[in-house]
Each structure stands twice: as structure tokens, then as C-alpha cells.
């Protein structure tokens, strides 16, 4: 288990990959959004 984070919101940038590159490389932003226990804002 991770220690509680000292913040209450995450903001991150996404390169906006689509298609095959996203399938092969995955999406870090998507992973963060799915796993975060706090609000996440993704900007392109």
C-alpha cells in the first residue's frame, strides 16, 4: 500500500495517441485515471 499523497487532485498532459500506437504502447493517462483515488484532469 502506498502512503497517502499530500495532494487532492492530479493534472497531467496527454499526447493524444490513437490507433495502433496506443494499443502497443498503452496509455499512461488512462491508467492514472482508472487507478487514481482522487480527481484527475487530463489535458491535451
Protein backbone atom coordinates (compact mmCIF):
# COMPACT_ATOMS: atom_id res chain seq x y z
CA UNK A 1 0.00 0.00 0.00
CA UNK A 2 1.16 3.48 -0.84
CA UNK A 3 1.26 6.26 1.70
CA UNK A 4 -1.42 8.94 1.37
CA UNK A 5 -0.48 11.61 -1.14
CA UNK A 6 -0.05 15.20 0.08
CA UNK A 7 -2.38 16.48 -2.65
CA UNK A 8 -6.05 16.11 -3.57
CA UNK A 9 -6.11 16.46 -7.37
CA UNK A 10 -3.91 15.30 -10.27
CA UNK A 11 -3.42 17.23 -13.51
CA UNK A 12 -1.45 15.63 -16.33
CA UNK A 13 -0.84 16.10 -20.03
CA UNK A 14 -1.58 13.52 -22.71
CA UNK A 15 -0.04 13.26 -26.16
CA UNK A 16 -3.34 12.02 -27.51
CA UNK A 17 -2.07 8.88 -29.22
CA UNK A 18 -4.65 6.95 -31.18
CA UNK A 19 -4.92 3.70 -33.05
CA UNK A 20 -2.08 1.21 -33.16
CA UNK A 21 0.44 3.30 -31.21
CA UNK A 22 -1.97 3.47 -28.28
CA UNK A 23 -2.64 -0.27 -28.39
CA UNK A 24 1.06 -1.11 -28.47
CA UNK A 25 2.29 1.48 -26.00
CA UNK A 26 -0.74 1.74 -23.75
CA UNK A 27 -1.91 4.99 -22.26
CA UNK A 28 -0.29 6.28 -19.10
CA UNK A 29 -3.01 8.90 -18.70
CA UNK A 30 -5.75 6.28 -18.97
CA UNK A 31 -4.03 4.12 -16.37
CA UNK A 32 -3.74 7.03 -13.96
CA UNK A 33 -7.40 7.97 -14.42
CA UNK A 34 -8.53 4.39 -13.80
CA UNK A 35 -6.39 3.85 -10.70
CA UNK A 36 -6.45 7.25 -9.03
CA UNK A 37 -8.38 7.61 -5.82
CA UNK A 38 -8.76 11.34 -6.39
CA UNK A 39 -9.95 13.61 -9.21
CA UNK A 40 -7.76 13.61 -12.34
CA UNK A 41 -7.75 16.22 -15.09
CA UNK A 42 -6.14 15.24 -18.40
CA UNK A 43 -5.22 17.98 -20.89
CA UNK A 44 -4.08 17.56 -24.47
